[in-house]
PDB file of N, CA and C in Angstrom:
ATOM      1  N   MET A   1      83.242 116.007  88.577  1.00  0.00           N
ATOM      2  CA  MET A   1      82.178 115.359  87.860  1.00  0.00           C
ATOM      3  C   MET A   1      81.125 116.340  87.378  1.00  0.00           C
ATOM      4  N   ALA A   2      81.115 117.524  87.965  1.00  0.00           N
ATOM      5  CA  ALA A   2      80.067 118.509  87.663  1.00  0.00           C
ATOM      6  C   ALA A   2      78.692 117.913  87.925  1.00  0.00           C
ATOM      7  N   GLY A   3      78.600 117.137  88.969  1.00  0.00           N
ATOM      8  CA  GLY A   3      77.347 116.514  89.374  1.00  0.00           C
ATOM      9  C   GLY A   3      77.600 115.571  90.527  1.00  0.00           C
ATOM     10  N   ASN A   4      76.532 115.126  91.148  1.00  0.00           N
ATOM     11  CA  ASN A   4      76.645 114.220  92.280  1.00  0.00           C
ATOM     12  C   ASN A   4      76.396 112.800  91.800  1.00  0.00           C
ATOM     13  N   LEU A   5      77.317 112.264  91.021  1.00  0.00           N
ATOM     14  CA  LEU A   5      77.198 110.918  90.480  1.00  0.00           C
ATOM     15  C   LEU A   5      77.807 109.901  91.437  1.00  0.00           C
ATOM     16  N   THR A   6      77.304 108.670  91.365  1.00  0.00           N
ATOM     17  CA  THR A   6      77.961 107.590  92.087  1.00  0.00           C
ATOM     18  C   THR A   6      79.247 107.246  91.341  1.00  0.00           C
ATOM     19  N   VAL A   7      80.081 106.476  91.991  1.00  0.00           N
ATOM     20  CA  VAL A   7      81.317 106.028  91.352  1.00  0.00           C
ATOM     21  C   VAL A   7      80.983 105.232  90.087  1.00  0.00           C
ATOM     22  N   GLN A   8      79.967 104.391  90.159  1.00  0.00           N
ATOM     23  CA  GLN A   8      79.547 103.590  88.998  1.00  0.00           C
ATOM     24  C   GLN A   8      79.034 104.484  87.868  1.00  0.00           C
ATOM     25  N   GLN A   9      78.202 105.478  88.194  1.00  0.00           N
ATOM     26  CA  GLN A   9      77.657 106.370  87.160  1.00  0.00           C
ATOM     27  C   GLN A   9      78.768 107.153  86.471  1.00  0.00           C
ATOM     28  N   CYS A  10      79.746 107.598  87.224  1.00  0.00           N
ATOM     29  CA  CYS A  10      80.867 108.333  86.625  1.00  0.00           C
ATOM     30  C   CYS A  10      81.623 107.432  85.654  1.00  0.00           C
ATOM     31  N   GLY A  11      81.887 106.209  86.054  1.00  0.00           N
ATOM     32  CA  GLY A  11      82.561 105.264  85.177  1.00  0.00           C
ATOM     33  C   GLY A  11      81.773 105.013  83.906  1.00  0.00           C
ATOM     34  N   ASN A  12      80.450 104.976  84.011  1.00  0.00           N
ATOM     35  CA  ASN A  12      79.608 104.771  82.833  1.00  0.00           C
ATOM     36  C   ASN A  12      79.693 105.943  81.864  1.00  0.00           C
ATOM     37  N   VAL A  13      79.865 107.150  82.366  1.00  0.00           N
ATOM     38  CA  VAL A  13      80.006 108.329  81.515  1.00  0.00           C
ATOM     39  C   VAL A  13      81.225 108.178  80.608  1.00  0.00           C
ATOM     40  N   PHE A  14      82.303 107.627  81.135  1.00  0.00           N
ATOM     41  CA  PHE A  14      83.532 107.473  80.353  1.00  0.00           C
ATOM     42  C   PHE A  14      83.377 106.450  79.237  1.00  0.00           C
ATOM     43  N   LYS A  15      82.424 105.566  79.346  1.00  0.00           N
ATOM     44  CA  LYS A  15      82.212 104.551  78.307  1.00  0.00           C
ATOM     45  C   LYS A  15      81.654 105.151  77.026  1.00  0.00           C
ATOM     46  N   THR A  16      80.995 106.318  77.133  1.00  0.00           N
ATOM     47  CA  THR A  16      80.334 106.910  75.961  1.00  0.00           C
ATOM     48  C   THR A  16      80.876 108.292  75.603  1.00  0.00           C
ATOM     49  N   ASN A  17      81.942 108.735  76.255  1.00  0.00           N
ATOM     50  CA  ASN A  17      82.516 110.058  75.987  1.00  0.00           C
ATOM     51  C   ASN A  17      84.020 109.946  75.786  1.00  0.00           C
ATOM     52  N   ALA A  18      84.583 110.892  75.084  1.00  0.00           N
ATOM     53  CA  ALA A  18      86.028 110.912  74.836  1.00  0.00           C
ATOM     54  C   ALA A  18      86.750 111.571  76.004  1.00  0.00           C
ATOM     55  N   ALA A  19      86.604 110.979  77.178  1.00  0.00           N
ATOM     56  CA  ALA A  19      87.253 111.481  78.382  1.00  0.00           C
ATOM     57  C   ALA A  19      87.414 110.313  79.348  1.00  0.00           C
ATOM     58  N   SER A  20      88.325 110.473  80.288  1.00  0.00           N
ATOM     59  CA  SER A  20      88.500 109.458  81.315  1.00  0.00           C
ATOM     60  C   SER A  20      89.247 110.072  82.488  1.00  0.00           C
ATOM     61  N   ALA A  21      89.313 109.334  83.564  1.00  0.00           N
ATOM     62  CA  ALA A  21      90.085 109.727  84.737  1.00  0.00           C
ATOM     63  C   ALA A  21      90.611 108.450  85.368  1.00  0.00           C
ATOM     64  N   HIS A  22      91.619 108.595  86.174  1.00  0.00           N
ATOM     65  CA  HIS A  22      92.151 107.420  86.856  1.00  0.00           C
ATOM     66  C   HIS A  22      91.212 106.976  87.977  1.00  0.00           C
ATOM     67  N   TYR A  23      90.669 107.960  88.709  1.00  0.00           N
ATOM     68  CA  TYR A  23      89.825 107.636  89.858  1.00  0.00           C
ATOM     69  C   TYR A  23      88.583 108.520  89.899  1.00  0.00           C
ATOM     70  N   GLY A  24      87.575 108.035  90.598  1.00  0.00           N
ATOM     71  CA  GLY A  24      86.389 108.813  90.913  1.00  0.00           C
ATOM     72  C   GLY A  24      86.086 108.639  92.382  1.00  0.00           C
ATOM     73  N   VAL A  25      85.659 109.711  93.042  1.00  0.00           N
ATOM     74  CA  VAL A  25      85.387 109.681  94.476  1.00  0.00           C
ATOM     75  C   VAL A  25      84.012 110.257  94.746  1.00  0.00           C
ATOM     76  N   ASN A  26      83.224 109.541  95.533  1.00  0.00           N
ATOM     77  CA  ASN A  26      81.933 110.016  96.019  1.00  0.00           C
ATOM     78  C   ASN A  26      81.838 109.582  97.465  1.00  0.00           C
ATOM     79  N   GLY A  27      82.018 110.533  98.385  1.00  0.00           N
ATOM     80  CA  GLY A  27      82.018 110.198  99.815  1.00  0.00           C
ATOM     81  C   GLY A  27      83.161 109.255 100.133  1.00  0.00           C
ATOM     82  N   ASN A  28      82.833 108.096 100.690  1.00  0.00           N
ATOM     83  CA  ASN A  28      83.850 107.103 101.040  1.00  0.00           C
ATOM     84  C   ASN A  28      84.081 106.089  99.925  1.00  0.00           C
ATOM     85  N   ASN A  29      83.416 106.245  98.808  1.00  0.00           N
ATOM     86  CA  ASN A  29      83.539 105.311  97.690  1.00  0.00           C
ATOM     87  C   ASN A  29      84.554 105.821  96.674  1.00  0.00           C
ATOM     88  N   ILE A  30      85.458 104.940  96.291  1.00  0.00           N
ATOM     89  CA  ILE A  30      86.500 105.276  95.315  1.00  0.00           C
ATOM     90  C   ILE A  30      86.461 104.237  94.204  1.00  0.00           C
ATOM     91  N   GLY A  31      86.415 104.718  92.965  1.00  0.00           N
ATOM     92  CA  GLY A  31      86.457 103.830  91.809  1.00  0.00           C
ATOM     93  C   GLY A  31      87.724 104.077  91.023  1.00  0.00           C
ATOM     94  N   CYS A  32      88.298 103.022  90.474  1.00  0.00           N
ATOM     95  CA  CYS A  32      89.475 103.136  89.614  1.00  0.00           C
ATOM     96  C   CYS A  32      89.034 102.811  88.192  1.00  0.00           C
ATOM     97  N   TYR A  33      89.205 103.764  87.275  1.00  0.00           N
ATOM     98  CA  TYR A  33      88.763 103.610  85.891  1.00  0.00           C
ATOM     99  C   TYR A  33      89.917 103.332  84.933  1.00  0.00           C
ATOM    100  N   VAL A  34      91.066 103.926  85.208  1.00  0.00           N
ATOM    101  CA  VAL A  34      92.257 103.743  84.364  1.00  0.00           C
ATOM    102  C   VAL A  34      93.428 103.461  85.299  1.00  0.00           C
ATOM    103  N   ASP A  35      94.159 102.388  85.056  1.00  0.00           N
ATOM    104  CA  ASP A  35      95.313 102.061  85.875  1.00  0.00           C
ATOM    105  C   ASP A  35      96.342 103.190  85.797  1.00  0.00           C
ATOM    106  N   GLU A  36      97.025 103.458  86.900  1.00  0.00           N
ATOM    107  CA  GLU A  36      97.996 104.559  86.935  1.00  0.00           C
ATOM    108  C   GLU A  36      99.147 104.372  85.956  1.00  0.00           C
ATOM    109  N   SER A  37      99.388 103.161  85.502  1.00  0.00           N
ATOM    110  CA  SER A  37     100.451 102.937  84.519  1.00  0.00           C
ATOM    111  C   SER A  37     100.004 103.332  83.109  1.00  0.00           C
ATOM    112  N   ASN A  38      98.731 103.654  82.946  1.00  0.00           N
ATOM    113  CA  ASN A  38      98.182 104.094  81.665  1.00  0.00           C
ATOM    114  C   ASN A  38      97.778 105.564  81.739  1.00  0.00           C
ATOM    115  N   THR A  39      97.633 106.187  80.596  1.00  0.00           N
ATOM    116  CA  THR A  39      97.278 107.603  80.524  1.00  0.00           C
ATOM    117  C   THR A  39      95.772 107.760  80.395  1.00  0.00           C
ATOM    118  N   ALA A  40      95.197 108.602  81.253  1.00  0.00           N
ATOM    119  CA  ALA A  40      93.777 108.958  81.152  1.00  0.00           C
ATOM    120  C   ALA A  40      93.674 110.314  80.459  1.00  0.00           C
ATOM    121  N   TRP A  41      92.590 110.537  79.733  1.00  0.00           N
ATOM    122  CA  TRP A  41      92.352 111.821  79.072  1.00  0.00           C
ATOM    123  C   TRP A  41      91.437 112.628  79.973  1.00  0.00           C
ATOM    124  N   HIS A  42      92.034 113.419  80.871  1.00  0.00           N
ATOM    125  CA  HIS A  42      91.244 114.096  81.897  1.00  0.00           C
ATOM    126  C   HIS A  42      91.429 115.600  81.949  1.00  0.00           C
ATOM    127  N   CYS A  43      92.475 116.133  81.358  1.00  0.00           N
ATOM    128  CA  CYS A  43      92.665 117.583  81.482  1.00  0.00           C
ATOM    129  C   CYS A  43      92.747 118.307  80.140  1.00  0.00           C
ATOM    130  N   GLY A  44      92.493 117.607  79.054  1.00  0.00           N
ATOM    131  CA  GLY A  44      92.420 118.266  77.755  1.00  0.00           C
ATOM    132  C   GLY A  44      93.755 118.633  77.129  1.00  0.00           C
ATOM    133  N   ASN A  45      94.852 118.190  77.731  1.00  0.00           N
ATOM    134  CA  ASN A  45      96.176 118.482  77.202  1.00  0.00           C
ATOM    135  C   ASN A  45      97.006 117.219  77.322  1.00  0.00           C
ATOM    136  N   TRP A  46      97.425 116.647  76.199  1.00  0.00           N
ATOM    137  CA  TRP A  46      98.103 115.356  76.213  1.00  0.00           C
ATOM    138  C   TRP A  46      99.355 115.368  77.087  1.00  0.00           C
ATOM    139  N   GLY A  47     100.145 116.407  77.007  1.00  0.00           N
ATOM    140  CA  GLY A  47     101.356 116.495  77.826  1.00  0.00           C
ATOM    141  C   GLY A  47     101.057 116.475  79.310  1.00  0.00           C
ATOM    142  N   TYR A  48     100.044 117.224  79.729  1.00  0.00           N
ATOM    143  CA  TYR A  48      99.646 117.221  81.145  1.00  0.00           C
ATOM    144  C   TYR A  48      99.058 115.875  81.533  1.00  0.00           C
ATOM    145  N   ASN A  49      98.288 115.266  80.637  1.00  0.00           N
ATOM    146  CA  ASN A  49      97.727 113.949  80.930  1.00  0.00           C
ATOM    147  C   ASN A  49      98.831 112.928  81.190  1.00  0.00           C
ATOM    148  N   LEU A  50      99.918 113.025  80.457  1.00  0.00           N
ATOM    149  CA  LEU A  50     101.030 112.087  80.622  1.00  0.00           C
ATOM    150  C   LEU A  50     101.714 112.227  81.981  1.00  0.00           C
ATOM    151  N   ARG A  51     101.637 113.427  82.579  1.00  0.00           N
ATOM    152  CA  ARG A  51     102.370 113.714  83.820  1.00  0.00           C
ATOM    153  C   ARG A  51     101.484 113.819  85.048  1.00  0.00           C
ATOM    154  N   SER A  52     100.217 113.421  84.952  1.00  0.00           N
ATOM    155  CA  SER A  52      99.320 113.631  86.081  1.00  0.00           C
ATOM    156  C   SER A  52      98.356 112.463  86.273  1.00  0.00           C
ATOM    157  N   ILE A  53      97.716 112.457  87.402  1.00  0.00           N
ATOM    158  CA  ILE A  53      96.689 111.475  87.750  1.00  0.00           C
ATOM    159  C   ILE A  53      95.373 112.239  87.822  1.00  0.00           C
ATOM    160  N   GLY A  54      94.344 111.752  87.093  1.00  0.00           N
ATOM    161  CA  GLY A  54      93.042 112.407  87.078  1.00  0.00           C
ATOM    162  C   GLY A  54      92.119 111.835  88.139  1.00  0.00           C
ATOM    163  N   ILE A  55      91.526 112.724  88.940  1.00  0.00           N
ATOM    164  CA  ILE A  55      90.595 112.305  90.001  1.00  0.00           C
ATOM    165  C   ILE A  55      89.321 113.140  89.851  1.00  0.00           C
ATOM    166  N   GLU A  56      88.197 112.463  89.629  1.00  0.00           N
ATOM    167  CA  GLU A  56      86.899 113.116  89.560  1.00  0.00           C
ATOM    168  C   GLU A  56      86.230 113.062  90.928  1.00  0.00           C
ATOM    169  N   LEU A  57      85.701 114.194  91.394  1.00  0.00           N
ATOM    170  CA  LEU A  57      85.029 114.267  92.685  1.00  0.00           C
ATOM    171  C   LEU A  57      83.550 114.566  92.491  1.00  0.00           C
ATOM    172  N   ALA A  58      82.689 113.816  93.178  1.00  0.00           N
ATOM    173  CA  ALA A  58      81.257 114.078  93.134  1.00  0.00           C
ATOM    174  C   ALA A  58      80.979 115.416  93.818  1.00  0.00           C
ATOM    175  N   ASN A  59      80.137 116.229  93.179  1.00  0.00           N
ATOM    176  CA  ASN A  59      79.813 117.524  93.765  1.00  0.00           C
ATOM    177  C   ASN A  59      78.479 117.993  93.225  1.00  0.00           C
ATOM    178  N   ASP A  60      77.920 118.961  93.869  1.00  0.00           N
ATOM    179  CA  ASP A  60      76.674 119.586  93.400  1.00  0.00           C
ATOM    180  C   ASP A  60      77.037 120.914  92.809  1.00  0.00           C
TER     181      ASP A  60
END
């Protein structure tokens, strides 16, 4: 996340940016933003996005 965002705040970032992830984690809280059966745009490479699961971690 490049920041210490809550799961909700991280999900809100995806609403206004051309990026997404399948999950976000902050401590014991886990949010699901994109179902695993769908492709998230999380690593900047479409081929890798198709073959991977994106997980954003809260950090400082």
